[in-house]
Amino acid sequence: MDKVIKTAGKTALTAAGALIGGGAGAALGTAILPGAGTAVGYLFGIGYGTLSGLKAWEH
């Protein structure tokens, strides 16, 4: 049961990081270059947010 709780917590933290990162990246990308910048910013934001969520879990 303990492993299930750890997995759920890690998944939730990673998903939250990806969601917030994607939103922030899309907003920044739109401000710089509307259209293509939105997509690129979203992808970079999701990647960075996911890595941040995983790193936060380790600490």
PDB file of N, CA and C in Angstrom:
ATOM      1  N   MET A   1       0.827  -1.196   0.000  1.00  0.00           N
ATOM      2  CA  MET A   1       0.000   0.000   0.000  1.00  0.00           C
ATOM      3  C   MET A   1       0.871   1.259   0.000  1.00  0.00           C
ATOM      4  N   ASP A   2       2.008   1.177   0.686  1.00  0.00           N
ATOM      5  CA  ASP A   2       2.894   2.335   0.762  1.00  0.00           C
ATOM      6  C   ASP A   2       3.428   2.709  -0.623  1.00  0.00           C
ATOM      7  N   LYS A   3       3.715   1.689  -1.428  1.00  0.00           N
ATOM      8  CA  LYS A   3       4.212   1.945  -2.783  1.00  0.00           C
ATOM      9  C   LYS A   3       3.149   2.629  -3.636  1.00  0.00           C
ATOM     10  N   VAL A   4       1.903   2.255  -3.449  1.00  0.00           N
ATOM     11  CA  VAL A   4       0.803   2.868  -4.201  1.00  0.00           C
ATOM     12  C   VAL A   4       0.684   4.341  -3.850  1.00  0.00           C
ATOM     13  N   ILE A   5       0.804   4.662  -2.574  1.00  0.00           N
ATOM     14  CA  ILE A   5       0.710   6.050  -2.129  1.00  0.00           C
ATOM     15  C   ILE A   5       1.866   6.871  -2.695  1.00  0.00           C
ATOM     16  N   LYS A   6       3.073   6.312  -2.670  1.00  0.00           N
ATOM     17  CA  LYS A   6       4.228   7.019  -3.228  1.00  0.00           C
ATOM     18  C   LYS A   6       4.064   7.251  -4.728  1.00  0.00           C
ATOM     19  N   THR A   7       3.579   6.247  -5.426  1.00  0.00           N
ATOM     20  CA  THR A   7       3.386   6.373  -6.868  1.00  0.00           C
ATOM     21  C   THR A   7       2.323   7.418  -7.183  1.00  0.00           C
ATOM     22  N   ALA A   8       1.244   7.417  -6.446  1.00  0.00           N
ATOM     23  CA  ALA A   8       0.180   8.398  -6.662  1.00  0.00           C
ATOM     24  C   ALA A   8       0.674   9.811  -6.385  1.00  0.00           C
ATOM     25  N   GLY A   9       1.448   9.968  -5.326  1.00  0.00           N
ATOM     26  CA  GLY A   9       1.987  11.289  -4.991  1.00  0.00           C
ATOM     27  C   GLY A   9       2.945  11.789  -6.055  1.00  0.00           C
ATOM     28  N   LYS A  10       3.804  10.921  -6.526  1.00  0.00           N
ATOM     29  CA  LYS A  10       4.766  11.297  -7.567  1.00  0.00           C
ATOM     30  C   LYS A  10       4.043  11.655  -8.856  1.00  0.00           C
ATOM     31  N   THR A  11       3.023  10.878  -9.200  1.00  0.00           N
ATOM     32  CA  THR A  11       2.251  11.147 -10.411  1.00  0.00           C
ATOM     33  C   THR A  11       1.526  12.483 -10.316  1.00  0.00           C
ATOM     34  N   ALA A  12       0.930  12.751  -9.177  1.00  0.00           N
ATOM     35  CA  ALA A  12       0.201  14.009  -8.991  1.00  0.00           C
ATOM     36  C   ALA A  12       1.138  15.208  -9.055  1.00  0.00           C
ATOM     37  N   LEU A  13       2.294  15.117  -8.435  1.00  0.00           N
ATOM     38  CA  LEU A  13       3.251  16.221  -8.430  1.00  0.00           C
ATOM     39  C   LEU A  13       3.798  16.459  -9.834  1.00  0.00           C
ATOM     40  N   THR A  14       4.087  15.399 -10.543  1.00  0.00           N
ATOM     41  CA  THR A  14       4.601  15.524 -11.903  1.00  0.00           C
ATOM     42  C   THR A  14       3.538  16.108 -12.834  1.00  0.00           C
ATOM     43  N   ALA A  15       2.303  15.651 -12.698  1.00  0.00           N
ATOM     44  CA  ALA A  15       1.217  16.164 -13.539  1.00  0.00           C
ATOM     45  C   ALA A  15       0.951  17.639 -13.256  1.00  0.00           C
ATOM     46  N   ALA A  16       0.998  18.027 -12.000  1.00  0.00           N
ATOM     47  CA  ALA A  16       0.797  19.433 -11.656  1.00  0.00           C
ATOM     48  C   ALA A  16       1.909  20.297 -12.242  1.00  0.00           C
ATOM     49  N   GLY A  17       3.142  19.805 -12.162  1.00  0.00           N
ATOM     50  CA  GLY A  17       4.258  20.545 -12.739  1.00  0.00           C
ATOM     51  C   GLY A  17       4.111  20.702 -14.236  1.00  0.00           C
ATOM     52  N   ALA A  18       3.687  19.641 -14.909  1.00  0.00           N
ATOM     53  CA  ALA A  18       3.502  19.697 -16.359  1.00  0.00           C
ATOM     54  C   ALA A  18       2.381  20.659 -16.732  1.00  0.00           C
ATOM     55  N   LEU A  19       1.307  20.642 -15.973  1.00  0.00           N
ATOM     56  CA  LEU A  19       0.161  21.502 -16.252  1.00  0.00           C
ATOM     57  C   LEU A  19       0.526  22.982 -16.074  1.00  0.00           C
ATOM     58  N   ILE A  20       1.171  23.288 -14.976  1.00  0.00           N
ATOM     59  CA  ILE A  20       1.568  24.678 -14.708  1.00  0.00           C
ATOM     60  C   ILE A  20       2.638  25.125 -15.695  1.00  0.00           C
ATOM     61  N   GLY A  21       3.616  24.253 -15.937  1.00  0.00           N
ATOM     62  CA  GLY A  21       4.676  24.586 -16.883  1.00  0.00           C
ATOM     63  C   GLY A  21       4.146  24.802 -18.289  1.00  0.00           C
ATOM     64  N   GLY A  22       3.215  23.954 -18.705  1.00  0.00           N
ATOM     65  CA  GLY A  22       2.626  24.100 -20.039  1.00  0.00           C
ATOM     66  C   GLY A  22       1.871  25.401 -20.192  1.00  0.00           C
ATOM     67  N   GLY A  23       1.117  25.768 -19.167  1.00  0.00           N
ATOM     68  CA  GLY A  23       0.374  27.031 -19.211  1.00  0.00           C
ATOM     69  C   GLY A  23       1.287  28.242 -19.250  1.00  0.00           C
ATOM     70  N   ALA A  24       2.313  28.217 -18.409  1.00  0.00           N
ATOM     71  CA  ALA A  24       3.259  29.340 -18.376  1.00  0.00           C
ATOM     72  C   ALA A  24       4.042  29.421 -19.686  1.00  0.00           C
ATOM     73  N   GLY A  25       4.466  28.267 -20.200  1.00  0.00           N
ATOM     74  CA  GLY A  25       5.203  28.256 -21.460  1.00  0.00           C
ATOM     75  C   GLY A  25       4.362  28.761 -22.618  1.00  0.00           C
ATOM     76  N   ALA A  26       3.108  28.357 -22.650  1.00  0.00           N
ATOM     77  CA  ALA A  26       2.210  28.815 -23.720  1.00  0.00           C
ATOM     78  C   ALA A  26       1.986  30.320 -23.643  1.00  0.00           C
ATOM     79  N   ALA A  27       1.818  30.837 -22.443  1.00  0.00           N
ATOM     80  CA  ALA A  27       1.616  32.280 -22.281  1.00  0.00           C
ATOM     81  C   ALA A  27       2.847  33.058 -22.720  1.00  0.00           C
ATOM     82  N   LEU A  28       4.013  32.582 -22.324  1.00  0.00           N
ATOM     83  CA  LEU A  28       5.258  33.253 -22.705  1.00  0.00           C
ATOM     84  C   LEU A  28       5.485  33.141 -24.216  1.00  0.00           C
ATOM     85  N   GLY A  29       5.249  31.954 -24.776  1.00  0.00           N
ATOM     86  CA  GLY A  29       5.407  31.769 -26.218  1.00  0.00           C
ATOM     87  C   GLY A  29       4.464  32.637 -27.018  1.00  0.00           C
ATOM     88  N   THR A  30       3.239  32.811 -26.538  1.00  0.00           N
ATOM     89  CA  THR A  30       2.266  33.658 -27.222  1.00  0.00           C
ATOM     90  C   THR A  30       2.694  35.117 -27.176  1.00  0.00           C
ATOM     91  N   ALA A  31       3.260  35.533 -26.049  1.00  0.00           N
ATOM     92  CA  ALA A  31       3.713  36.923 -25.920  1.00  0.00           C
ATOM     93  C   ALA A  31       4.870  37.216 -26.879  1.00  0.00           C
ATOM     94  N   ILE A  32       5.727  36.227 -27.090  1.00  0.00           N
ATOM     95  CA  ILE A  32       6.884  36.429 -27.956  1.00  0.00           C
ATOM     96  C   ILE A  32       6.505  36.294 -29.428  1.00  0.00           C
ATOM     97  N   LEU A  33       5.819  35.217 -29.766  1.00  0.00           N
ATOM     98  CA  LEU A  33       5.465  34.951 -31.164  1.00  0.00           C
ATOM     99  C   LEU A  33       4.114  34.231 -31.203  1.00  0.00           C
ATOM    100  N   PRO A  34       3.026  34.973 -31.390  1.00  0.00           N
ATOM    101  CA  PRO A  34       1.712  34.339 -31.428  1.00  0.00           C
ATOM    102  C   PRO A  34       1.639  33.255 -32.511  1.00  0.00           C
ATOM    103  N   GLY A  35       0.960  32.181 -32.195  1.00  0.00           N
ATOM    104  CA  GLY A  35       0.812  31.073 -33.140  1.00  0.00           C
ATOM    105  C   GLY A  35       1.826  29.988 -32.857  1.00  0.00           C
ATOM    106  N   ALA A  36       2.924  29.993 -33.589  1.00  0.00           N
ATOM    107  CA  ALA A  36       3.957  28.966 -33.436  1.00  0.00           C
ATOM    108  C   ALA A  36       4.620  29.055 -32.060  1.00  0.00           C
ATOM    109  N   GLY A  37       4.787  30.250 -31.556  1.00  0.00           N
ATOM    110  CA  GLY A  37       5.410  30.433 -30.244  1.00  0.00           C
ATOM    111  C   GLY A  37       4.591  29.799 -29.131  1.00  0.00           C
ATOM    112  N   THR A  38       3.291  29.799 -29.299  1.00  0.00           N
ATOM    113  CA  THR A  38       2.414  29.180 -28.304  1.00  0.00           C
ATOM    114  C   THR A  38       2.700  27.684 -28.205  1.00  0.00           C
ATOM    115  N   ALA A  39       2.769  27.016 -29.345  1.00  0.00           N
ATOM    116  CA  ALA A  39       3.024  25.575 -29.360  1.00  0.00           C
ATOM    117  C   ALA A  39       4.402  25.237 -28.823  1.00  0.00           C
ATOM    118  N   VAL A  40       5.406  25.977 -29.268  1.00  0.00           N
ATOM    119  CA  VAL A  40       6.773  25.717 -28.813  1.00  0.00           C
ATOM    120  C   VAL A  40       6.896  25.993 -27.321  1.00  0.00           C
ATOM    121  N   GLY A  41       6.329  27.090 -26.869  1.00  0.00           N
ATOM    122  CA  GLY A  41       6.365  27.420 -25.444  1.00  0.00           C
ATOM    123  C   GLY A  41       5.669  26.378 -24.597  1.00  0.00           C
ATOM    124  N   TYR A  42       4.558  25.877 -25.092  1.00  0.00           N
ATOM    125  CA  TYR A  42       3.808  24.835 -24.385  1.00  0.00           C
ATOM    126  C   TYR A  42       4.650  23.570 -24.237  1.00  0.00           C
ATOM    127  N   LEU A  43       5.295  23.155 -25.318  1.00  0.00           N
ATOM    128  CA  LEU A  43       6.118  21.939 -25.269  1.00  0.00           C
ATOM    129  C   LEU A  43       7.306  22.104 -24.319  1.00  0.00           C
ATOM    130  N   PHE A  44       7.993  23.233 -24.417  1.00  0.00           N
ATOM    131  CA  PHE A  44       9.109  23.475 -23.497  1.00  0.00           C
ATOM    132  C   PHE A  44       8.612  23.560 -22.057  1.00  0.00           C
ATOM    133  N   GLY A  45       7.472  24.202 -21.858  1.00  0.00           N
ATOM    134  CA  GLY A  45       6.908  24.333 -20.519  1.00  0.00           C
ATOM    135  C   GLY A  45       6.532  22.996 -19.918  1.00  0.00           C
ATOM    136  N   ILE A  46       5.951  22.113 -20.708  1.00  0.00           N
ATOM    137  CA  ILE A  46       5.593  20.779 -20.217  1.00  0.00           C
ATOM    138  C   ILE A  46       6.844  20.001 -19.831  1.00  0.00           C
ATOM    139  N   GLY A  47       7.859  20.068 -20.667  1.00  0.00           N
ATOM    140  CA  GLY A  47       9.100  19.363 -20.368  1.00  0.00           C
ATOM    141  C   GLY A  47       9.741  19.863 -19.091  1.00  0.00           C
ATOM    142  N   TYR A  48       9.843  21.179 -18.969  1.00  0.00           N
ATOM    143  CA  TYR A  48      10.465  21.761 -17.783  1.00  0.00           C
ATOM    144  C   TYR A  48       9.614  21.509 -16.541  1.00  0.00           C
ATOM    145  N   GLY A  49       8.312  21.619 -16.675  1.00  0.00           N
ATOM    146  CA  GLY A  49       7.419  21.386 -15.541  1.00  0.00           C
ATOM    147  C   GLY A  49       7.469  19.944 -15.057  1.00  0.00           C
ATOM    148  N   THR A  50       7.546  19.008 -15.993  1.00  0.00           N
ATOM    149  CA  THR A  50       7.642  17.592 -15.627  1.00  0.00           C
ATOM    150  C   THR A  50       8.935  17.316 -14.874  1.00  0.00           C
ATOM    151  N   LEU A  51      10.040  17.834 -15.410  1.00  0.00           N
ATOM    152  CA  LEU A  51      11.334  17.631 -14.732  1.00  0.00           C
ATOM    153  C   LEU A  51      11.351  18.291 -13.353  1.00  0.00           C
ATOM    154  N   SER A  52      10.742  19.453 -13.238  1.00  0.00           N
ATOM    155  CA  SER A  52      10.683  20.112 -11.934  1.00  0.00           C
ATOM    156  C   SER A  52       9.857  19.321 -10.936  1.00  0.00           C
ATOM    157  N   GLY A  53       8.748  18.746 -11.399  1.00  0.00           N
ATOM    158  CA  GLY A  53       7.923  17.912 -10.519  1.00  0.00           C
ATOM    159  C   GLY A  53       8.662  16.682 -10.032  1.00  0.00           C
ATOM    160  N   LEU A  54       9.413  16.044 -10.926  1.00  0.00           N
ATOM    161  CA  LEU A  54      10.196  14.871 -10.536  1.00  0.00           C
ATOM    162  C   LEU A  54      11.306  15.252  -9.570  1.00  0.00           C
ATOM    163  N   LYS A  55      11.947  16.373  -9.826  1.00  0.00           N
ATOM    164  CA  LYS A  55      13.026  16.806  -8.935  1.00  0.00           C
ATOM    165  C   LYS A  55      12.482  17.186  -7.558  1.00  0.00           C
ATOM    166  N   ALA A  56      11.330  17.815  -7.526  1.00  0.00           N
ATOM    167  CA  ALA A  56      10.725  18.176  -6.242  1.00  0.00           C
ATOM    168  C   ALA A  56      10.366  16.940  -5.434  1.00  0.00           C
ATOM    169  N   TRP A  57       9.983  15.864  -6.109  1.00  0.00           N
ATOM    170  CA  TRP A  57       9.630  14.638  -5.413  1.00  0.00           C
ATOM    171  C   TRP A  57      10.845  14.031  -4.734  1.00  0.00           C
ATOM    172  N   GLU A  58      12.015  14.139  -5.366  1.00  0.00           N
ATOM    173  CA  GLU A  58      13.230  13.537  -4.822  1.00  0.00           C
ATOM    174  C   GLU A  58      13.687  14.229  -3.549  1.00  0.00           C
ATOM    175  N   HIS A  59      13.328  15.506  -3.386  1.00  0.00           N
ATOM    176  CA  HIS A  59      13.816  16.240  -2.208  1.00  0.00           C
ATOM    177  C   HIS A  59      12.842  16.234  -1.094  1.00  0.00           C
TER     178      HIS A  59
END
